[in-house]
Amino acid sequence: MAGSQSGWTGRLIVLIALAAAWADRATAADPHPQSVPAAPYQTAGDDRGYWVVSTRDCGGNLDQGQRDRYQVFACDHQGRRTVSSLEGLIQSLSPGVPVCFVMHGSFVDWPTVWSDARQTNAWLRRPYPDRPLHVVFLTWPSDDTPMLLFPVDVAILGRRASRYSFYLAELVSLVPDDHPICLIGHSHGARMVVSTLHILGGGQVEDIAFGGGPFHHHRIRAVLAAGAFDHHWLNPGQRYEQAIERPELILNLQNRRDIALGFYPLHRPLTAPAAGRIGFGDADRRLIGPAAQKLIDVDITRFVRRGHIWPNYYTEPQLAQAIAPHVFFVDDVPPPASLARTASPAGRPQTSAATPARWQESQTDVKWSDLRVAR
């Protein structure tokens, strides 16, 4: 029996290794172009509306500017939309109002984008209905699965989310610096967020550094939901080590029972558990050092339970209440007592969402001009 189990283990390792190799080759190719459905209404966005920006036709070639291939839609609060442009989006921003970018995870098609965007917009605004907020949903080609083998497709889409973070970095760079920015990512969208933060901190993805601009010094915060990336990737010497440099804080919504993230380590050999399931551990925080105070793990297991998909989150009003101070940059509102934050390791002061000045004191000032390289 032991020999039989060993044989099956060996076959599984070989299968995962082959899947990883196929993923590396497939990721190098651009995804198939995605056509955008025609807008059923022609109406301008309202004050409680939102924007949808598509990078689905931008392709994976980052050597040339792809700004003319973005597809932009202005939506009112009921989801009725009209075709617009990046220029229209930027010109619509009211001075000083926070801008919230939301990134979905993998296996999300266009109908789901429209539905999730409308419901997420309402969910985000509910805690502070009288406060202004600009909400932008970024969609990327996450439902193009060329291998049709789940572990392979997960690996492909994870790498694609990281690569498409350059487009998110460009969108952030277009926003005037008087706007605080919150980045919210779900699953592989959370990987896109930390990859974007790494790029904005001067890091490289696949040996490419961001060559766009102009660069700004926004206040930046991030919210990670069901984060589908290795928990140690923000550590020194790891894939996204510079993601910790720019943001004031990174709020990690940790679900210890997320069933999909439970299988996350199987998609590639020697993969560590996902940050969205186990959080950022004591060892990670010791390696990161003082900047680890920016990382806040919040245990949301009792709300989402074994769920993973984004509707499991935006149907929970208390989760919106928990992240609202970070989304709206409301610094005098403590987090809800009903959400238990993970305990701080000995010797590390307990962080507080109500004291953002602490994050700014530990934030590293980046000299953007030193980081410009040609794409």
Protein backbone atom coordinates (compact mmCIF):
# COMPACT_ATOMS: atom_id res chain seq x y z
CA MET A 1 0.00 0.00 0.00
CA ALA A 2 2.79 2.42 0.87
CA GLY A 3 4.44 1.73 -2.49
CA SER A 4 1.16 2.41 -4.29
CA GLN A 5 0.73 5.74 -2.47
CA SER A 6 4.30 6.68 -3.31
CA GLY A 7 3.65 5.90 -6.95
CA TRP A 8 0.57 8.11 -7.07
CA THR A 9 2.49 10.91 -5.34
CA GLY A 10 5.21 10.67 -7.95
CA ARG A 11 2.70 10.82 -10.79
CA LEU A 12 1.06 13.89 -9.22
CA ILE A 13 4.41 15.69 -8.96
CA VAL A 14 5.22 14.90 -12.58
CA LEU A 15 1.77 16.13 -13.69
CA ILE A 16 2.15 19.40 -11.79
CA ALA A 17 5.66 19.91 -13.19
CA LEU A 18 4.37 19.38 -16.74
CA ALA A 19 1.50 21.77 -16.05
CA ALA A 20 3.93 24.44 -14.86
CA ALA A 21 6.08 24.01 -17.96
CA TRP A 22 3.05 24.31 -20.25
CA ALA A 23 1.94 27.40 -18.34
CA ASP A 24 5.29 29.10 -18.88
CA ARG A 25 5.06 28.55 -22.63
CA ALA A 26 1.42 29.49 -22.93
CA THR A 27 1.80 32.69 -20.92
CA ALA A 28 4.29 34.06 -23.43
CA ALA A 29 1.56 34.19 -26.07
CA ASP A 30 -1.04 36.94 -26.14
CA PRO A 31 -4.53 35.86 -25.13
CA HIS A 32 -7.19 35.71 -27.82
CA PRO A 33 -8.83 39.11 -28.43
CA GLN A 34 -12.04 39.55 -26.50
CA SER A 35 -14.91 41.41 -28.13
CA VAL A 36 -16.84 43.81 -25.93
CA PRO A 37 -20.64 43.55 -25.97
CA ALA A 38 -22.43 46.65 -27.16
CA ALA A 39 -23.76 48.93 -24.46
CA PRO A 40 -27.54 48.47 -24.24
CA TYR A 41 -28.07 52.05 -23.05
CA GLN A 42 -26.54 55.40 -23.86
CA THR A 43 -26.41 57.29 -20.59
CA ALA A 44 -23.75 59.18 -18.73
CA GLY A 45 -22.45 58.02 -15.37
CA ASP A 46 -23.96 59.70 -12.31
CA ASP A 47 -22.40 60.76 -9.00
CA ARG A 48 -22.98 57.28 -7.56
CA GLY A 49 -21.97 55.54 -10.75
CA TYR A 50 -18.72 53.87 -11.66
CA TRP A 51 -16.38 53.07 -14.53
CA VAL A 52 -15.37 49.84 -16.23
CA VAL A 53 -11.98 49.77 -17.97
CA SER A 54 -11.13 46.76 -20.11
CA THR A 55 -7.61 45.60 -20.94
CA ARG A 56 -8.91 42.45 -22.64
CA ASP A 57 -7.82 43.62 -26.08
CA CYS A 58 -4.54 45.18 -24.98
CA GLY A 59 -2.53 41.97 -25.35
CA GLY A 60 0.45 40.81 -23.35
CA ASN A 61 3.06 42.68 -25.42
CA LEU A 62 4.30 45.44 -23.13
CA ASP A 63 6.98 46.78 -25.48
CA GLN A 64 4.58 49.30 -27.01
CA GLY A 65 1.97 51.62 -25.57
CA GLN A 66 -1.50 50.09 -25.70
CA ARG A 67 -3.50 53.05 -24.41
CA ASP A 68 -5.58 53.26 -27.58
CA ARG A 69 -6.73 49.68 -27.02
CA TYR A 70 -8.28 50.28 -23.60
CA GLN A 71 -12.07 50.10 -23.65
CA VAL A 72 -13.78 52.42 -21.20
CA PHE A 73 -17.40 52.55 -20.08
CA ALA A 74 -19.13 55.09 -17.86
CA CYS A 75 -21.94 53.48 -15.86
CA ASP A 76 -24.69 54.95 -13.73
CA HIS A 77 -25.65 53.40 -10.39
CA GLN A 78 -28.15 51.10 -12.11
CA GLY A 79 -25.47 49.66 -14.39
CA ARG A 80 -26.59 51.43 -17.58
CA ARG A 81 -23.49 52.29 -19.55
CA THR A 82 -22.08 54.32 -22.40
CA VAL A 83 -18.77 54.11 -24.24
CA SER A 84 -16.21 56.64 -23.04
CA SER A 85 -12.41 57.02 -22.93
CA LEU A 86 -9.53 57.23 -20.48
CA GLU A 87 -9.49 60.97 -21.02
CA GLY A 88 -13.18 61.13 -20.12
CA LEU A 89 -12.55 59.09 -16.97
CA ILE A 90 -9.67 61.29 -15.77
CA GLN A 91 -11.55 64.50 -16.55
CA SER A 92 -14.54 63.27 -14.53
CA LEU A 93 -12.53 62.99 -11.29
CA SER A 94 -13.49 65.54 -8.65
CA PRO A 95 -10.43 67.10 -6.95
CA GLY A 96 -9.27 65.26 -3.85
CA VAL A 97 -11.90 62.50 -3.98
CA PRO A 98 -10.52 58.97 -3.37
CA VAL A 99 -10.28 56.66 -6.37
CA CYS A 100 -10.93 52.95 -5.78
CA PHE A 101 -9.70 50.46 -8.38
CA VAL A 102 -11.26 46.98 -8.19
CA MET A 103 -9.70 43.93 -9.90
CA HIS A 104 -11.53 40.64 -10.34
CA GLY A 105 -10.01 37.17 -10.21
CA SER A 106 -9.80 34.39 -12.78
CA PHE A 107 -12.56 32.74 -14.82
CA VAL A 108 -14.65 35.94 -14.98
CA ASP A 109 -16.50 36.60 -18.23
CA TRP A 110 -18.15 39.79 -19.49
CA PRO A 111 -21.66 39.13 -18.11
CA THR A 112 -20.13 38.54 -14.68
CA VAL A 113 -18.09 41.74 -14.96
CA TRP A 114 -21.21 43.83 -15.52
CA SER A 115 -23.14 42.14 -12.70
CA ASP A 116 -20.31 42.16 -10.17
CA ALA A 117 -19.36 45.77 -10.93
CA ARG A 118 -22.87 47.09 -10.29
CA GLN A 119 -23.32 45.15 -7.06
CA THR A 120 -19.80 45.86 -5.79
CA ASN A 121 -20.23 49.57 -6.40
CA ALA A 122 -23.37 49.62 -4.26
CA TRP A 123 -21.67 47.45 -1.58
CA LEU A 124 -18.62 49.71 -1.33
CA ARG A 125 -20.68 52.89 -1.01
CA ARG A 126 -23.16 51.61 1.57
CA PRO A 127 -21.12 52.37 4.75
CA TYR A 128 -20.65 56.06 3.80
CA PRO A 129 -23.49 56.95 1.43
CA ASP A 130 -22.83 60.71 1.70
CA ARG A 131 -19.09 60.57 1.04
CA PRO A 132 -17.86 60.97 -2.55
CA LEU A 133 -15.90 58.12 -4.14
CA HIS A 134 -14.76 57.27 -7.66
CA VAL A 135 -14.94 53.53 -8.39
CA VAL A 136 -13.13 51.98 -11.36
CA PHE A 137 -13.37 48.29 -12.26
CA LEU A 138 -10.47 46.92 -14.27
CA THR A 139 -11.22 43.79 -16.27
CA TRP A 140 -8.56 41.60 -17.85
CA PRO A 141 -8.69 38.43 -20.01
CA SER A 142 -9.24 36.00 -17.15
CA ASP A 143 -11.66 33.63 -18.88
CA ASP A 144 -9.36 32.66 -21.74
CA THR A 145 -8.18 29.18 -20.74
CA PRO A 146 -6.31 27.70 -23.71
CA MET A 147 -5.09 24.51 -22.03
CA LEU A 148 -8.51 23.44 -20.65
CA LEU A 149 -6.72 21.71 -17.77
CA PHE A 150 -7.52 23.37 -14.46
CA PRO A 151 -4.07 23.37 -12.77
CA VAL A 152 -2.42 24.59 -15.98
CA ASP A 153 -4.99 27.31 -16.55
CA VAL A 154 -4.66 28.51 -12.95
CA ALA A 155 -0.90 28.86 -13.44
CA ILE A 156 -1.36 30.66 -16.77
CA LEU A 157 -3.92 33.08 -15.39
CA GLY A 158 -1.85 33.81 -12.28
CA ARG A 159 1.11 34.82 -14.41
CA ARG A 160 -1.15 36.81 -16.71
CA ALA A 161 -2.60 38.73 -13.75
CA SER A 162 0.92 39.67 -12.76
CA ARG A 163 1.82 40.76 -16.28
CA TYR A 164 -1.36 42.79 -16.76
CA SER A 165 -0.52 44.73 -13.60
CA PHE A 166 1.46 47.06 -15.87
CA TYR A 167 -1.85 48.33 -17.21
CA LEU A 168 -3.11 48.98 -13.69
CA ALA A 169 0.14 50.80 -12.91
CA GLU A 170 -0.45 52.99 -15.97
CA LEU A 171 -4.00 53.80 -14.85
CA VAL A 172 -2.71 54.76 -11.41
CA SER A 173 -0.08 56.99 -13.02
CA LEU A 174 -2.78 58.89 -14.92
CA VAL A 175 -4.67 59.87 -11.75
CA PRO A 176 -3.67 63.30 -10.38
CA ASP A 177 -1.75 63.00 -7.15
CA ASP A 178 -4.34 64.85 -5.03
CA HIS A 179 -6.49 61.71 -5.18
CA PRO A 180 -5.89 59.00 -2.56
CA ILE A 181 -6.00 55.58 -4.22
CA CYS A 182 -7.27 52.26 -2.86
CA LEU A 183 -6.56 49.07 -4.81
CA ILE A 184 -8.93 46.15 -4.16
CA GLY A 185 -8.16 42.75 -5.65
CA HIS A 186 -9.92 39.40 -5.39
CA SER A 187 -8.07 36.07 -5.85
CA HIS A 188 -5.70 36.56 -8.83
CA GLY A 189 -6.85 40.18 -8.78
CA ALA A 190 -5.11 40.40 -5.39
CA ARG A 191 -1.97 39.10 -7.07
CA MET A 192 -2.40 41.88 -9.64
CA VAL A 193 -2.58 44.38 -6.80
CA VAL A 194 0.65 43.29 -5.10
CA SER A 195 2.37 43.06 -8.50
CA THR A 196 1.25 46.63 -9.24
CA LEU A 197 2.51 47.83 -5.87
CA HIS A 198 5.82 46.11 -6.61
CA ILE A 199 6.03 47.92 -9.96
CA LEU A 200 5.13 51.28 -8.41
CA GLY A 201 7.83 50.67 -5.80
CA GLY A 202 10.43 50.31 -8.55
CA GLY A 203 10.34 46.54 -8.94
CA GLN A 204 10.38 44.51 -12.12
CA VAL A 205 7.98 41.84 -13.34
CA GLU A 206 9.48 39.32 -15.78
CA ASP A 207 12.56 41.59 -15.98
CA ILE A 208 10.44 44.53 -17.13
CA ALA A 209 10.18 47.79 -15.20
CA PHE A 210 7.42 50.32 -15.67
CA GLY A 211 8.47 52.94 -18.20
CA GLY A 212 5.31 55.01 -18.17
CA GLY A 213 4.42 58.11 -16.30
CA PRO A 214 4.16 60.76 -15.14
CA PHE A 215 4.80 59.41 -11.68
CA HIS A 216 2.92 60.69 -8.67
CA HIS A 217 3.09 60.32 -4.92
CA HIS A 218 -0.46 59.32 -4.17
CA ARG A 219 -1.55 58.05 -0.82
CA ILE A 220 -2.10 54.37 -1.60
CA ARG A 221 -3.82 51.62 0.35
CA ALA A 222 -4.69 48.08 -0.70
CA VAL A 223 -7.31 45.49 0.22
CA LEU A 224 -6.65 41.85 -0.67
CA ALA A 225 -9.55 39.39 -0.72
CA ALA A 226 -8.86 35.64 -1.11
CA GLY A 227 -5.33 36.56 -2.15
CA ALA A 228 -4.10 33.87 -4.56
CA PHE A 229 -0.35 34.35 -4.23
CA ASP A 230 2.35 32.77 -2.06
CA HIS A 231 2.29 34.27 1.42
CA HIS A 232 6.05 34.97 1.40
CA TRP A 233 6.22 36.81 -1.94
CA LEU A 234 6.44 40.21 -0.20
CA ASN A 235 9.55 39.14 1.74
CA PRO A 236 13.02 40.50 0.82
CA GLY A 237 14.42 38.71 -2.23
CA GLN A 238 11.02 37.33 -3.24
CA ARG A 239 8.83 37.98 -6.28
CA TYR A 240 7.08 41.16 -5.06
CA GLU A 241 9.52 42.35 -2.44
CA GLN A 242 9.01 46.04 -3.24
CA ALA A 243 5.23 45.89 -2.94
CA ILE A 244 5.58 47.03 0.67
CA GLU A 245 7.35 50.29 -0.23
CA ARG A 246 4.59 52.54 -1.60
CA PRO A 247 1.34 51.78 0.25
CA GLU A 248 0.40 53.14 3.64
CA LEU A 249 -1.14 49.80 4.50
CA ILE A 250 -2.19 46.48 2.99
CA LEU A 251 -5.35 44.95 4.46
CA ASN A 252 -5.39 41.18 3.95
CA LEU A 253 -8.82 39.55 4.34
CA GLN A 254 -7.86 36.09 5.57
CA ASN A 255 -10.23 33.14 5.25
CA ARG A 256 -8.81 30.06 6.95
CA ARG A 257 -11.47 27.82 5.38
CA ASP A 258 -11.35 29.04 1.77
CA ILE A 259 -11.73 25.74 -0.06
CA ALA A 260 -10.26 26.94 -3.37
CA LEU A 261 -7.17 28.38 -1.70
CA GLY A 262 -6.79 25.11 0.15
CA PHE A 263 -5.85 23.56 -3.20
CA TYR A 264 -3.70 26.53 -4.22
CA PRO A 265 -0.31 24.83 -3.48
CA LEU A 266 -1.13 22.07 -6.00
CA HIS A 267 -0.96 24.31 -9.07
CA ARG A 268 2.85 24.39 -9.12
CA PRO A 269 5.62 22.33 -7.45
CA LEU A 270 7.00 23.76 -4.19
CA THR A 271 4.25 26.39 -3.97
CA ALA A 272 3.67 27.88 -0.52
CA PRO A 273 0.19 28.35 0.96
CA ALA A 274 -1.74 31.39 -0.22
CA ALA A 275 -1.72 34.67 1.69
CA GLY A 276 -5.50 34.76 1.54
CA ARG A 277 -5.73 31.53 3.55
CA ILE A 278 -2.93 31.68 6.12
CA GLY A 279 -2.08 35.39 6.15
CA PHE A 280 1.37 36.90 6.59
CA GLY A 281 3.13 34.82 9.24
CA ASP A 282 5.50 35.82 12.01
CA ALA A 283 8.48 34.65 9.97
CA ASP A 284 7.38 36.82 7.05
CA ARG A 285 7.01 39.85 9.29
CA ARG A 286 10.41 39.36 10.89
CA LEU A 287 12.06 39.22 7.47
CA ILE A 288 10.21 42.29 6.22
CA GLY A 289 11.14 44.25 9.34
CA PRO A 290 9.51 47.50 10.54
CA ALA A 291 7.57 47.92 7.28
CA ALA A 292 5.58 44.80 8.23
CA GLN A 293 3.46 47.12 10.39
CA LYS A 294 1.73 48.04 7.12
CA LEU A 295 0.40 44.47 6.79
CA ILE A 296 -2.90 43.86 8.56
CA ASP A 297 -4.46 40.40 8.55
CA VAL A 298 -8.19 40.39 9.30
CA ASP A 299 -9.83 37.01 9.91
CA ILE A 300 -13.13 36.98 7.99
CA THR A 301 -13.62 33.19 8.11
CA ARG A 302 -16.94 33.29 9.94
CA PHE A 303 -18.44 35.55 7.27
CA VAL A 304 -17.23 33.86 4.08
CA ARG A 305 -16.77 30.35 5.53
CA ARG A 306 -15.68 27.92 2.78
CA GLY A 307 -16.51 30.36 0.00
CA HIS A 308 -14.05 31.85 -2.44
CA ILE A 309 -15.92 33.65 -5.23
CA TRP A 310 -16.35 37.42 -5.12
CA PRO A 311 -20.13 37.40 -4.43
CA ASN A 312 -19.30 35.69 -1.11
CA TYR A 313 -17.70 39.02 -0.17
CA TYR A 314 -19.94 41.71 -1.63
CA THR A 315 -23.06 40.17 -0.13
CA GLU A 316 -21.68 40.73 3.39
CA PRO A 317 -22.39 44.30 4.63
CA GLN A 318 -20.03 43.90 7.60
CA LEU A 319 -17.09 43.31 5.27
CA ALA A 320 -17.87 46.53 3.44
CA GLN A 321 -17.98 48.27 6.82
CA ALA A 322 -14.60 46.79 7.73
CA ILE A 323 -12.78 47.99 4.62
CA ALA A 324 -14.65 51.30 4.24
CA PRO A 325 -12.21 53.44 6.30
CA HIS A 326 -9.42 52.35 3.94
CA VAL A 327 -11.45 52.76 0.77
CA PHE A 328 -12.74 56.24 1.73
CA PHE A 329 -9.57 57.23 3.64
CA VAL A 330 -11.60 57.99 6.75
CA ASP A 331 -8.86 58.08 9.35
CA ASP A 332 -10.90 58.76 12.48
CA VAL A 333 -13.12 55.66 12.28
CA PRO A 334 -11.90 52.48 14.06
CA PRO A 335 -12.51 49.08 12.44
CA PRO A 336 -15.61 47.17 13.55
CA ALA A 337 -15.02 45.25 16.78
CA SER A 338 -16.88 42.29 15.30
CA LEU A 339 -13.98 41.52 12.97
CA ALA A 340 -11.10 39.93 14.85
CA ARG A 341 -7.65 40.98 13.71
CA THR A 342 -4.89 38.43 13.97
CA ALA A 343 -2.73 38.83 17.05
CA SER A 344 0.53 40.70 16.74
CA PRO A 345 3.76 38.75 17.30
CA ALA A 346 5.54 39.49 20.54
CA GLY A 347 7.49 42.72 20.41
CA ARG A 348 5.53 44.15 17.47
CA PRO A 349 3.01 46.88 18.34
CA GLN A 350 -0.60 46.18 17.40
CA THR A 351 -1.43 48.19 14.31
CA SER A 352 -4.55 50.28 14.02
CA ALA A 353 -6.55 51.32 10.99
CA ALA A 354 -7.32 54.55 12.81
CA THR A 355 -3.68 55.75 12.87
CA PRO A 356 -2.58 56.11 9.24
CA ALA A 357 0.20 58.52 10.21
CA ARG A 358 2.11 55.49 11.45
CA TRP A 359 2.16 54.13 7.93
CA GLN A 360 3.44 57.37 6.47
CA GLU A 361 6.23 57.57 9.00
CA SER A 362 7.51 54.15 7.90
CA GLN A 363 6.87 54.68 4.20
CA THR A 364 9.93 54.76 1.95
CA ASP A 365 10.07 57.78 -0.35
CA VAL A 366 10.74 56.58 -3.90
CA LYS A 367 12.82 58.58 -6.35
CA TRP A 368 10.77 57.87 -9.45
CA SER A 369 13.19 59.47 -11.88
CA ASP A 370 15.78 56.80 -11.02
CA LEU A 371 13.42 54.03 -12.01
CA ARG A 372 12.51 55.04 -15.56
CA VAL A 373 13.52 52.46 -18.14
CA ALA A 374 12.36 51.89 -21.68
CA ARG A 375 9.69 49.28 -22.07
